[in-house]
């Protein structure tokens, strides 16, 4: 059982480090670009909608 516990701890630590790195990268990215997080989310949603529209128009053709 000790082996499973150490694997769980390892996974937990790795996940926390990954999440921490992701947050740090997001903060760095936000500091380098003048857009707010909300503006970026809106832009991502807009890109998703346009790609979905293109995919559906390609299916009809």
PDB file of N, CA and C in Angstrom:
ATOM      1  N   UNK A   1       0.813  -1.209   0.000  1.00  0.00           N
ATOM      2  CA  UNK A   1       0.000   0.000   0.000  1.00  0.00           C
ATOM      3  C   UNK A   1       0.852   1.266   0.000  1.00  0.00           C
ATOM      4  N   UNK A   2       2.032   1.199   0.545  1.00  0.00           N
ATOM      5  CA  UNK A   2       2.911   2.372   0.589  1.00  0.00           C
ATOM      6  C   UNK A   2       3.256   2.834  -0.832  1.00  0.00           C
ATOM      7  N   UNK A   3       3.420   1.864  -1.730  1.00  0.00           N
ATOM      8  CA  UNK A   3       3.764   2.186  -3.120  1.00  0.00           C
ATOM      9  C   UNK A   3       2.647   3.001  -3.786  1.00  0.00           C
ATOM     10  N   UNK A   4       1.417   2.588  -3.570  1.00  0.00           N
ATOM     11  CA  UNK A   4       0.268   3.305  -4.150  1.00  0.00           C
ATOM     12  C   UNK A   4       0.178   4.707  -3.565  1.00  0.00           C
ATOM     13  N   UNK A   5       0.392   4.815  -2.277  1.00  0.00           N
ATOM     14  CA  UNK A   5       0.339   6.118  -1.632  1.00  0.00           C
ATOM     15  C   UNK A   5       1.406   7.047  -2.198  1.00  0.00           C
ATOM     16  N   UNK A   6       2.613   6.532  -2.418  1.00  0.00           N
ATOM     17  CA  UNK A   6       3.676   7.380  -2.951  1.00  0.00           C
ATOM     18  C   UNK A   6       3.376   7.790  -4.396  1.00  0.00           C
ATOM     19  N   UNK A   7       2.735   6.903  -5.171  1.00  0.00           N
ATOM     20  CA  UNK A   7       2.336   7.267  -6.532  1.00  0.00           C
ATOM     21  C   UNK A   7       1.270   8.359  -6.503  1.00  0.00           C
ATOM     22  N   UNK A   8       0.340   8.241  -5.583  1.00  0.00           N
ATOM     23  CA  UNK A   8      -0.704   9.255  -5.444  1.00  0.00           C
ATOM     24  C   UNK A   8      -0.096  10.592  -5.054  1.00  0.00           C
ATOM     25  N   UNK A   9       0.844  10.558  -4.114  1.00  0.00           N
ATOM     26  CA  UNK A   9       1.519  11.789  -3.706  1.00  0.00           C
ATOM     27  C   UNK A   9       2.300  12.390  -4.868  1.00  0.00           C
ATOM     28  N   UNK A  10       2.986  11.528  -5.623  1.00  0.00           N
ATOM     29  CA  UNK A  10       3.745  12.003  -6.780  1.00  0.00           C
ATOM     30  C   UNK A  10       2.816  12.671  -7.794  1.00  0.00           C
ATOM     31  N   UNK A  11       1.699  12.018  -8.095  1.00  0.00           N
ATOM     32  CA  UNK A  11       0.731  12.572  -9.049  1.00  0.00           C
ATOM     33  C   UNK A  11       0.187  13.903  -8.556  1.00  0.00           C
ATOM     34  N   UNK A  12      -0.142  13.950  -7.273  1.00  0.00           N
ATOM     35  CA  UNK A  12      -0.675  15.177  -6.689  1.00  0.00           C
ATOM     36  C   UNK A  12       0.338  16.314  -6.789  1.00  0.00           C
ATOM     37  N   UNK A  13       1.581  16.027  -6.449  1.00  0.00           N
ATOM     38  CA  UNK A  13       2.626  17.051  -6.527  1.00  0.00           C
ATOM     39  C   UNK A  13       2.864  17.490  -7.964  1.00  0.00           C
ATOM     40  N   UNK A  14       2.897  16.537  -8.893  1.00  0.00           N
ATOM     41  CA  UNK A  14       3.113  16.865 -10.297  1.00  0.00           C
ATOM     42  C   UNK A  14       1.971  17.720 -10.831  1.00  0.00           C
ATOM     43  N   UNK A  15       0.743  17.382 -10.449  1.00  0.00           N
ATOM     44  CA  UNK A  15      -0.423  18.153 -10.887  1.00  0.00           C
ATOM     45  C   UNK A  15      -0.367  19.578 -10.350  1.00  0.00           C
ATOM     46  N   UNK A  16      -0.003  19.709  -9.077  1.00  0.00           N
ATOM     47  CA  UNK A  16       0.103  21.046  -8.483  1.00  0.00           C
ATOM     48  C   UNK A  16       1.187  21.860  -9.174  1.00  0.00           C
ATOM     49  N   UNK A  17       2.311  21.237  -9.488  1.00  0.00           N
ATOM     50  CA  UNK A  17       3.384  21.950 -10.178  1.00  0.00           C
ATOM     51  C   UNK A  17       2.945  22.357 -11.572  1.00  0.00           C
ATOM     52  N   UNK A  18       2.250  21.478 -12.263  1.00  0.00           N
ATOM     53  CA  UNK A  18       1.774  21.787 -13.604  1.00  0.00           C
ATOM     54  C   UNK A  18       0.781  22.942 -13.562  1.00  0.00           C
ATOM     55  N   UNK A  19      -0.153  22.882 -12.603  1.00  0.00           N
ATOM     56  CA  UNK A  19      -1.136  23.956 -12.483  1.00  0.00           C
ATOM     57  C   UNK A  19      -0.449  25.268 -12.134  1.00  0.00           C
ATOM     58  N   UNK A  20       0.536  25.193 -11.254  1.00  0.00           N
ATOM     59  CA  UNK A  20       1.265  26.390 -10.865  1.00  0.00           C
ATOM     60  C   UNK A  20       1.998  26.980 -12.067  1.00  0.00           C
ATOM     61  N   UNK A  21       2.619  26.114 -12.867  1.00  0.00           N
ATOM     62  CA  UNK A  21       3.330  26.576 -14.054  1.00  0.00           C
ATOM     63  C   UNK A  21       2.351  27.193 -15.044  1.00  0.00           C
ATOM     64  N   UNK A  22       1.200  26.578 -15.214  1.00  0.00           N
ATOM     65  CA  UNK A  22       0.193  27.111 -16.132  1.00  0.00           C
ATOM     66  C   UNK A  22      -0.266  28.500 -15.687  1.00  0.00           C
ATOM     67  N   UNK A  23      -0.452  28.663 -14.390  1.00  0.00           N
ATOM     68  CA  UNK A  23      -0.872  29.967 -13.861  1.00  0.00           C
ATOM     69  C   UNK A  23       0.229  30.989 -14.083  1.00  0.00           C
ATOM     70  N   UNK A  24       1.473  30.600 -13.817  1.00  0.00           N
ATOM     71  CA  UNK A  24       2.595  31.518 -14.025  1.00  0.00           C
ATOM     72  C   UNK A  24       2.705  31.935 -15.486  1.00  0.00           C
ATOM     73  N   UNK A  25       2.511  30.989 -16.391  1.00  0.00           N
ATOM     74  CA  UNK A  25       2.578  31.311 -17.819  1.00  0.00           C
ATOM     75  C   UNK A  25       1.439  32.235 -18.234  1.00  0.00           C
ATOM     76  N   UNK A  26       0.258  32.006 -17.668  1.00  0.00           N
ATOM     77  CA  UNK A  26      -0.870  32.885 -17.993  1.00  0.00           C
ATOM     78  C   UNK A  26      -0.607  34.308 -17.495  1.00  0.00           C
ATOM     79  N   UNK A  27      -0.075  34.420 -16.288  1.00  0.00           N
ATOM     80  CA  UNK A  27       0.231  35.745 -15.740  1.00  0.00           C
ATOM     81  C   UNK A  27       1.301  36.428 -16.594  1.00  0.00           C
ATOM     82  N   UNK A  28       2.325  35.679 -16.972  1.00  0.00           N
ATOM     83  CA  UNK A  28       3.378  36.241 -17.817  1.00  0.00           C
ATOM     84  C   UNK A  28       2.807  36.701 -19.147  1.00  0.00           C
ATOM     85  N   UNK A  29       1.985  35.866 -19.745  1.00  0.00           N
ATOM     86  CA  UNK A  29       1.377  36.214 -21.025  1.00  0.00           C
ATOM     87  C   UNK A  29       0.508  37.460 -20.902  1.00  0.00           C
ATOM     88  N   UNK A  30      -0.269  37.520 -19.826  1.00  0.00           N
ATOM     89  CA  UNK A  30      -1.147  38.673 -19.622  1.00  0.00           C
ATOM     90  C   UNK A  30      -0.334  39.941 -19.394  1.00  0.00           C
ATOM     91  N   UNK A  31       0.832  39.814 -18.741  1.00  0.00           N
ATOM     92  CA  UNK A  31       1.643  41.000 -18.479  1.00  0.00           C
ATOM     93  C   UNK A  31       2.344  41.483 -19.746  1.00  0.00           C
ATOM     94  N   UNK A  32       2.567  40.574 -20.690  1.00  0.00           N
ATOM     95  CA  UNK A  32       3.232  40.956 -21.938  1.00  0.00           C
ATOM     96  C   UNK A  32       2.272  41.549 -22.959  1.00  0.00           C
ATOM     97  N   UNK A  33       0.995  41.235 -22.814  1.00  0.00           N
ATOM     98  CA  UNK A  33      -0.002  41.707 -23.772  1.00  0.00           C
ATOM     99  C   UNK A  33      -1.024  42.584 -23.049  1.00  0.00           C
ATOM    100  N   UNK A  34      -1.425  43.664 -23.663  1.00  0.00           N
ATOM    101  CA  UNK A  34      -2.290  44.639 -22.986  1.00  0.00           C
ATOM    102  C   UNK A  34      -3.760  44.240 -22.878  1.00  0.00           C
ATOM    103  N   UNK A  35      -4.106  43.020 -23.243  1.00  0.00           N
ATOM    104  CA  UNK A  35      -5.506  42.613 -23.196  1.00  0.00           C
ATOM    105  C   UNK A  35      -5.862  42.103 -21.808  1.00  0.00           C
ATOM    106  N   UNK A  36      -7.090  42.330 -21.425  1.00  0.00           N
ATOM    107  CA  UNK A  36      -7.565  41.768 -20.168  1.00  0.00           C
ATOM    108  C   UNK A  36      -7.922  40.305 -20.378  1.00  0.00           C
ATOM    109  N   UNK A  37      -8.053  39.579 -19.281  1.00  0.00           N
ATOM    110  CA  UNK A  37      -8.408  38.160 -19.371  1.00  0.00           C
ATOM    111  C   UNK A  37      -9.768  37.994 -20.044  1.00  0.00           C
ATOM    112  N   UNK A  38     -10.704  38.896 -19.724  1.00  0.00           N
ATOM    113  CA  UNK A  38     -12.039  38.815 -20.315  1.00  0.00           C
ATOM    114  C   UNK A  38     -11.972  39.029 -21.822  1.00  0.00           C
ATOM    115  N   UNK A  39     -11.127  39.963 -22.265  1.00  0.00           N
ATOM    116  CA  UNK A  39     -10.991  40.200 -23.700  1.00  0.00           C
ATOM    117  C   UNK A  39     -10.416  38.970 -24.396  1.00  0.00           C
ATOM    118  N   UNK A  40      -9.445  38.336 -23.742  1.00  0.00           N
ATOM    119  CA  UNK A  40      -8.852  37.136 -24.332  1.00  0.00           C
ATOM    120  C   UNK A  40      -9.878  36.007 -24.405  1.00  0.00           C
ATOM    121  N   UNK A  41     -10.668  35.830 -23.345  1.00  0.00           N
ATOM    122  CA  UNK A  41     -11.693  34.786 -23.359  1.00  0.00           C
ATOM    123  C   UNK A  41     -12.720  35.048 -24.451  1.00  0.00           C
ATOM    124  N   UNK A  42     -13.091  36.307 -24.611  1.00  0.00           N
ATOM    125  CA  UNK A  42     -14.031  36.666 -25.677  1.00  0.00           C
ATOM    126  C   UNK A  42     -13.426  36.348 -27.044  1.00  0.00           C
ATOM    127  N   UNK A  43     -12.135  36.649 -27.207  1.00  0.00           N
ATOM    128  CA  UNK A  43     -11.470  36.370 -28.477  1.00  0.00           C
ATOM    129  C   UNK A  43     -11.422  34.863 -28.750  1.00  0.00           C
ATOM    130  N   UNK A  44     -11.133  34.075 -27.721  1.00  0.00           N
ATOM    131  CA  UNK A  44     -11.096  32.615 -27.874  1.00  0.00           C
ATOM    132  C   UNK A  44     -12.471  32.091 -28.262  1.00  0.00           C
ATOM    133  N   UNK A  45     -13.521  32.585 -27.590  1.00  0.00           N
ATOM    134  CA  UNK A  45     -14.882  32.159 -27.927  1.00  0.00           C
ATOM    135  C   UNK A  45     -15.218  32.527 -29.374  1.00  0.00           C
ATOM    136  N   UNK A  46     -14.812  33.716 -29.776  1.00  0.00           N
ATOM    137  CA  UNK A  46     -15.075  34.165 -31.137  1.00  0.00           C
ATOM    138  C   UNK A  46     -14.380  33.263 -32.153  1.00  0.00           C
ATOM    139  N   UNK A  47     -13.128  32.906 -31.869  1.00  0.00           N
ATOM    140  CA  UNK A  47     -12.393  32.011 -32.774  1.00  0.00           C
ATOM    141  C   UNK A  47     -13.038  30.637 -32.829  1.00  0.00           C
ATOM    142  N   UNK A  48     -13.493  30.143 -31.698  1.00  0.00           N
ATOM    143  CA  UNK A  48     -14.157  28.837 -31.674  1.00  0.00           C
ATOM    144  C   UNK A  48     -15.427  28.866 -32.501  1.00  0.00           C
ATOM    145  N   UNK A  49     -16.203  29.947 -32.357  1.00  0.00           N
ATOM    146  CA  UNK A  49     -17.454  30.049 -33.104  1.00  0.00           C
ATOM    147  C   UNK A  49     -17.194  30.126 -34.602  1.00  0.00           C
ATOM    148  N   UNK A  50     -16.165  30.877 -34.991  1.00  0.00           N
ATOM    149  CA  UNK A  50     -15.880  30.990 -36.425  1.00  0.00           C
ATOM    150  C   UNK A  50     -15.375  29.668 -36.982  1.00  0.00           C
ATOM    151  N   UNK A  51     -14.575  28.920 -36.194  1.00  0.00           N
ATOM    152  CA  UNK A  51     -14.109  27.620 -36.695  1.00  0.00           C
ATOM    153  C   UNK A  51     -15.258  26.628 -36.761  1.00  0.00           C
ATOM    154  N   UNK A  52     -16.199  26.709 -35.818  1.00  0.00           N
ATOM    155  CA  UNK A  52     -17.374  25.845 -35.855  1.00  0.00           C
ATOM    156  C   UNK A  52     -18.231  26.175 -37.070  1.00  0.00           C
ATOM    157  N   UNK A  53     -18.360  27.463 -37.379  1.00  0.00           N
ATOM    158  CA  UNK A  53     -19.138  27.879 -38.545  1.00  0.00           C
ATOM    159  C   UNK A  53     -18.489  27.353 -39.814  1.00  0.00           C
ATOM    160  N   UNK A  54     -17.168  27.437 -39.896  1.00  0.00           N
ATOM    161  CA  UNK A  54     -16.468  26.941 -41.087  1.00  0.00           C
ATOM    162  C   UNK A  54     -16.625  25.432 -41.220  1.00  0.00           C
ATOM    163  N   UNK A  55     -16.533  24.725 -40.102  1.00  0.00           N
ATOM    164  CA  UNK A  55     -16.693  23.268 -40.145  1.00  0.00           C
ATOM    165  C   UNK A  55     -18.083  22.890 -40.607  1.00  0.00           C
ATOM    166  N   UNK A  56     -19.098  23.574 -40.095  1.00  0.00           N
ATOM    167  CA  UNK A  56     -20.470  23.228 -40.486  1.00  0.00           C
ATOM    168  C   UNK A  56     -20.736  23.616 -41.944  1.00  0.00           C
ATOM    169  N   UNK A  57     -20.145  24.713 -42.420  1.00  0.00           N
ATOM    170  CA  UNK A  57     -20.334  25.083 -43.824  1.00  0.00           C
ATOM    171  C   UNK A  57     -19.602  24.116 -44.740  1.00  0.00           C
ATOM    172  N   UNK A  58     -18.483  23.559 -44.276  1.00  0.00           N
ATOM    173  CA  UNK A  58     -17.769  22.564 -45.074  1.00  0.00           C
ATOM    174  C   UNK A  58     -18.550  21.253 -45.159  1.00  0.00           C
ATOM    175  N   UNK A  59     -19.281  20.926 -44.103  1.00  0.00           N
ATOM    176  CA  UNK A  59     -20.077  19.694 -44.102  1.00  0.00           C
ATOM    177  C   UNK A  59     -21.241  19.802 -45.084  1.00  0.00           C
ATOM    178  N   UNK A  60     -21.823  20.975 -45.211  1.00  0.00           N
ATOM    179  CA  UNK A  60     -22.966  21.191 -46.094  1.00  0.00           C
ATOM    180  C   UNK A  60     -22.543  21.105 -47.551  1.00  0.00           C
ATOM    181  N   UNK A  61     -21.360  21.590 -47.861  1.00  0.00           N
ATOM    182  CA  UNK A  61     -20.881  21.649 -49.250  1.00  0.00           C
ATOM    183  C   UNK A  61     -20.726  20.286 -49.863  1.00  0.00           C
TER     184      UNK A  61
END
